[in-house]
């Protein structure tokens, strides 16, 4: 039996399907990588620029529908 330390190191965390969908949406539609954080009430995405954040805000309804989000979408600007 493997010791606990070894088991925890080899364990890969699983992302919720909504997080995977958000990252895929950003990559396929805009060609950028985004960071996604999940809280009890929202999905917080960090995009690399103000203009891109505005585009994501305009597309919020489309993103919520295509990514099947069950929480609020929050968009932050990060560099």
N, C-alpha and C. Protein backbone atom coordinates (compact mmCIF):
# COMPACT_ATOMS: atom_id res chain seq x y z
N UNK A 1 0.84 -1.18 0.00
CA UNK A 1 0.00 0.00 0.00
C UNK A 1 0.89 1.25 0.00
N UNK A 2 0.57 2.18 -0.90
CA UNK A 2 1.34 3.42 -0.98
C UNK A 2 1.11 4.26 0.26
N UNK A 3 2.14 4.97 0.64
CA UNK A 3 1.93 5.86 1.78
C UNK A 3 1.12 7.08 1.35
N UNK A 4 0.55 7.76 2.30
CA UNK A 4 -0.36 8.87 2.05
C UNK A 4 0.30 10.01 1.27
N UNK A 5 1.55 10.30 1.57
CA UNK A 5 2.27 11.38 0.89
C UNK A 5 2.36 11.12 -0.61
N UNK A 6 2.69 9.90 -0.99
CA UNK A 6 2.84 9.55 -2.39
C UNK A 6 1.50 9.61 -3.11
N UNK A 7 0.45 9.17 -2.45
CA UNK A 7 -0.88 9.20 -3.05
C UNK A 7 -1.35 10.63 -3.30
N UNK A 8 -1.09 11.52 -2.35
CA UNK A 8 -1.52 12.90 -2.50
C UNK A 8 -0.73 13.62 -3.59
N UNK A 9 0.53 13.30 -3.75
CA UNK A 9 1.35 13.93 -4.78
C UNK A 9 0.92 13.50 -6.18
N UNK A 10 0.50 12.28 -6.33
CA UNK A 10 0.12 11.78 -7.65
C UNK A 10 -1.33 12.11 -8.01
N UNK A 11 -2.09 12.57 -7.06
CA UNK A 11 -3.50 12.88 -7.30
C UNK A 11 -3.63 14.19 -8.07
N UNK A 12 -4.33 14.16 -9.19
CA UNK A 12 -4.55 15.34 -10.00
C UNK A 12 -5.92 15.94 -9.64
N UNK A 13 -5.97 17.23 -9.32
CA UNK A 13 -7.26 17.84 -9.02
C UNK A 13 -8.13 17.91 -10.28
N UNK A 14 -9.42 17.69 -10.10
CA UNK A 14 -10.33 17.72 -11.23
C UNK A 14 -11.08 19.05 -11.23
N UNK A 15 -11.08 19.71 -12.38
CA UNK A 15 -11.78 20.97 -12.51
C UNK A 15 -13.24 20.70 -12.84
N UNK A 16 -14.13 21.56 -12.36
CA UNK A 16 -15.53 21.43 -12.75
C UNK A 16 -15.67 21.63 -14.27
N UNK A 17 -16.68 21.03 -14.88
CA UNK A 17 -16.83 21.15 -16.33
C UNK A 17 -17.03 22.60 -16.79
N UNK A 18 -17.60 23.44 -15.93
CA UNK A 18 -17.78 24.84 -16.29
C UNK A 18 -16.44 25.56 -16.43
N UNK A 19 -15.49 25.24 -15.58
CA UNK A 19 -14.16 25.85 -15.65
C UNK A 19 -13.47 25.45 -16.95
N UNK A 20 -13.55 24.18 -17.28
CA UNK A 20 -12.96 23.69 -18.52
C UNK A 20 -13.62 24.39 -19.72
N UNK A 21 -14.95 24.52 -19.66
CA UNK A 21 -15.68 25.17 -20.76
C UNK A 21 -15.30 26.64 -20.89
N UNK A 22 -15.13 27.35 -19.78
CA UNK A 22 -14.73 28.76 -19.83
C UNK A 22 -13.35 28.93 -20.46
N UNK A 23 -12.41 28.09 -20.05
CA UNK A 23 -11.06 28.17 -20.61
C UNK A 23 -11.06 27.84 -22.10
N UNK A 24 -11.84 26.84 -22.47
CA UNK A 24 -11.93 26.45 -23.88
C UNK A 24 -12.57 27.57 -24.70
N UNK A 25 -13.62 28.19 -24.18
CA UNK A 25 -14.28 29.30 -24.87
C UNK A 25 -13.30 30.43 -25.14
N UNK A 26 -12.56 30.82 -24.13
CA UNK A 26 -11.60 31.91 -24.28
C UNK A 26 -10.52 31.57 -25.31
N UNK A 27 -10.07 30.35 -25.29
CA UNK A 27 -9.01 29.93 -26.21
C UNK A 27 -9.51 29.85 -27.64
N UNK A 28 -10.69 29.28 -27.86
CA UNK A 28 -11.18 29.11 -29.23
C UNK A 28 -11.72 30.40 -29.84
N UNK A 29 -12.41 31.22 -29.06
CA UNK A 29 -13.02 32.42 -29.61
C UNK A 29 -12.08 33.63 -29.64
N UNK A 30 -11.15 33.71 -28.69
CA UNK A 30 -10.31 34.90 -28.58
C UNK A 30 -8.81 34.59 -28.57
N UNK A 31 -8.45 33.33 -28.51
CA UNK A 31 -7.03 32.95 -28.57
C UNK A 31 -6.21 33.35 -27.36
N UNK A 32 -6.85 33.42 -26.18
CA UNK A 32 -6.14 33.80 -24.96
C UNK A 32 -6.35 32.75 -23.88
N UNK A 33 -5.41 32.71 -22.96
CA UNK A 33 -5.56 31.87 -21.77
C UNK A 33 -6.08 32.75 -20.64
N UNK A 34 -7.02 32.22 -19.89
CA UNK A 34 -7.60 32.97 -18.77
C UNK A 34 -7.43 32.16 -17.49
N UNK A 35 -7.49 32.86 -16.37
CA UNK A 35 -7.49 32.21 -15.06
C UNK A 35 -8.93 32.20 -14.57
N UNK A 36 -9.33 31.08 -13.96
CA UNK A 36 -10.69 30.94 -13.47
C UNK A 36 -10.64 30.52 -12.01
N UNK A 37 -11.40 31.25 -11.18
CA UNK A 37 -11.55 30.88 -9.77
C UNK A 37 -13.03 30.66 -9.50
N UNK A 38 -13.30 29.67 -8.67
CA UNK A 38 -14.69 29.33 -8.36
C UNK A 38 -14.96 29.63 -6.90
N UNK A 39 -16.06 30.31 -6.63
CA UNK A 39 -16.51 30.54 -5.27
C UNK A 39 -17.94 30.02 -5.14
N UNK A 40 -18.53 30.19 -3.98
CA UNK A 40 -19.89 29.70 -3.76
C UNK A 40 -20.90 30.36 -4.67
N UNK A 41 -20.67 31.65 -4.98
CA UNK A 41 -21.66 32.41 -5.72
C UNK A 41 -21.28 32.76 -7.15
N UNK A 42 -20.01 32.55 -7.54
CA UNK A 42 -19.62 33.04 -8.87
C UNK A 42 -18.41 32.30 -9.44
N UNK A 43 -18.24 32.50 -10.75
CA UNK A 43 -17.02 32.12 -11.46
C UNK A 43 -16.30 33.41 -11.77
N UNK A 44 -15.10 33.57 -11.28
CA UNK A 44 -14.33 34.77 -11.50
C UNK A 44 -13.26 34.46 -12.55
N UNK A 45 -13.31 35.18 -13.65
CA UNK A 45 -12.29 34.99 -14.68
C UNK A 45 -11.41 36.23 -14.74
N UNK A 46 -10.14 36.02 -14.97
CA UNK A 46 -9.18 37.10 -15.10
C UNK A 46 -8.65 37.08 -16.53
N UNK A 47 -8.89 38.17 -17.24
CA UNK A 47 -8.47 38.28 -18.64
C UNK A 47 -7.33 39.27 -18.75
N UNK A 48 -6.48 39.13 -19.78
CA UNK A 48 -5.26 39.94 -19.85
C UNK A 48 -5.40 41.30 -20.53
N UNK A 49 -6.44 42.05 -20.24
CA UNK A 49 -6.53 43.39 -20.81
C UNK A 49 -7.93 43.95 -20.72
N UNK A 50 -8.02 45.28 -20.71
CA UNK A 50 -9.31 45.94 -20.55
C UNK A 50 -10.21 45.75 -21.77
N UNK A 51 -9.64 45.80 -22.96
CA UNK A 51 -10.47 45.64 -24.15
C UNK A 51 -11.05 44.23 -24.23
N UNK A 52 -10.26 43.27 -23.86
CA UNK A 52 -10.75 41.89 -23.85
C UNK A 52 -11.80 41.69 -22.75
N UNK A 53 -11.62 42.32 -21.62
CA UNK A 53 -12.61 42.25 -20.55
C UNK A 53 -13.94 42.83 -21.02
N UNK A 54 -13.89 43.92 -21.77
CA UNK A 54 -15.11 44.52 -22.31
C UNK A 54 -15.81 43.56 -23.27
N UNK A 55 -15.05 42.92 -24.13
CA UNK A 55 -15.62 41.95 -25.06
C UNK A 55 -16.30 40.82 -24.30
N UNK A 56 -15.65 40.32 -23.25
CA UNK A 56 -16.24 39.26 -22.44
C UNK A 56 -17.52 39.74 -21.75
N UNK A 57 -17.54 40.99 -21.31
CA UNK A 57 -18.74 41.53 -20.68
C UNK A 57 -19.89 41.63 -21.67
N UNK A 58 -19.60 42.03 -22.89
CA UNK A 58 -20.62 42.10 -23.93
C UNK A 58 -21.15 40.70 -24.26
N UNK A 59 -20.27 39.70 -24.24
CA UNK A 59 -20.63 38.33 -24.59
C UNK A 59 -21.10 37.52 -23.38
N UNK A 60 -21.34 38.14 -22.25
CA UNK A 60 -21.67 37.41 -21.03
C UNK A 60 -22.85 36.45 -21.21
N UNK A 61 -23.92 36.90 -21.82
CA UNK A 61 -25.09 36.04 -22.01
C UNK A 61 -24.74 34.81 -22.85
N UNK A 62 -23.97 35.03 -23.90
CA UNK A 62 -23.54 33.93 -24.77
C UNK A 62 -22.64 32.96 -24.01
N UNK A 63 -21.74 33.49 -23.20
CA UNK A 63 -20.82 32.67 -22.43
C UNK A 63 -21.58 31.82 -21.40
N UNK A 64 -22.51 32.45 -20.69
CA UNK A 64 -23.29 31.73 -19.67
C UNK A 64 -24.06 30.58 -20.31
N UNK A 65 -24.62 30.82 -21.47
CA UNK A 65 -25.39 29.77 -22.15
C UNK A 65 -24.49 28.67 -22.71
N UNK A 66 -23.42 29.04 -23.39
CA UNK A 66 -22.57 28.03 -24.04
C UNK A 66 -21.74 27.23 -23.04
N UNK A 67 -21.40 27.83 -21.91
CA UNK A 67 -20.59 27.12 -20.91
C UNK A 67 -21.46 26.49 -19.81
N UNK A 68 -22.76 26.69 -19.90
CA UNK A 68 -23.72 26.11 -18.95
C UNK A 68 -23.38 26.50 -17.50
N UNK A 69 -23.20 27.79 -17.28
CA UNK A 69 -22.82 28.28 -15.96
C UNK A 69 -24.04 28.31 -15.04
N UNK A 70 -23.84 27.85 -13.82
CA UNK A 70 -24.92 27.83 -12.83
C UNK A 70 -24.75 28.90 -11.76
N UNK A 71 -23.69 29.71 -11.92
CA UNK A 71 -23.41 30.81 -11.00
C UNK A 71 -23.14 32.07 -11.82
N UNK A 72 -23.04 33.17 -11.14
CA UNK A 72 -22.75 34.46 -11.75
C UNK A 72 -21.35 34.47 -12.36
N UNK A 73 -21.18 35.20 -13.46
CA UNK A 73 -19.87 35.35 -14.10
C UNK A 73 -19.31 36.72 -13.74
N UNK A 74 -18.11 36.74 -13.15
CA UNK A 74 -17.44 37.98 -12.78
C UNK A 74 -16.15 38.06 -13.60
N UNK A 75 -15.91 39.23 -14.17
CA UNK A 75 -14.74 39.41 -15.05
C UNK A 75 -13.81 40.45 -14.44
N UNK A 76 -12.55 40.07 -14.27
CA UNK A 76 -11.53 40.97 -13.76
C UNK A 76 -10.45 41.16 -14.81
N UNK A 77 -9.77 42.29 -14.73
CA UNK A 77 -8.67 42.58 -15.63
C UNK A 77 -7.36 42.28 -14.90
N UNK A 78 -6.52 41.50 -15.51
CA UNK A 78 -5.23 41.17 -14.93
C UNK A 78 -4.17 41.12 -16.00
N UNK A 79 -2.94 41.42 -15.63
CA UNK A 79 -1.87 41.45 -16.62
C UNK A 79 -0.83 40.41 -16.33
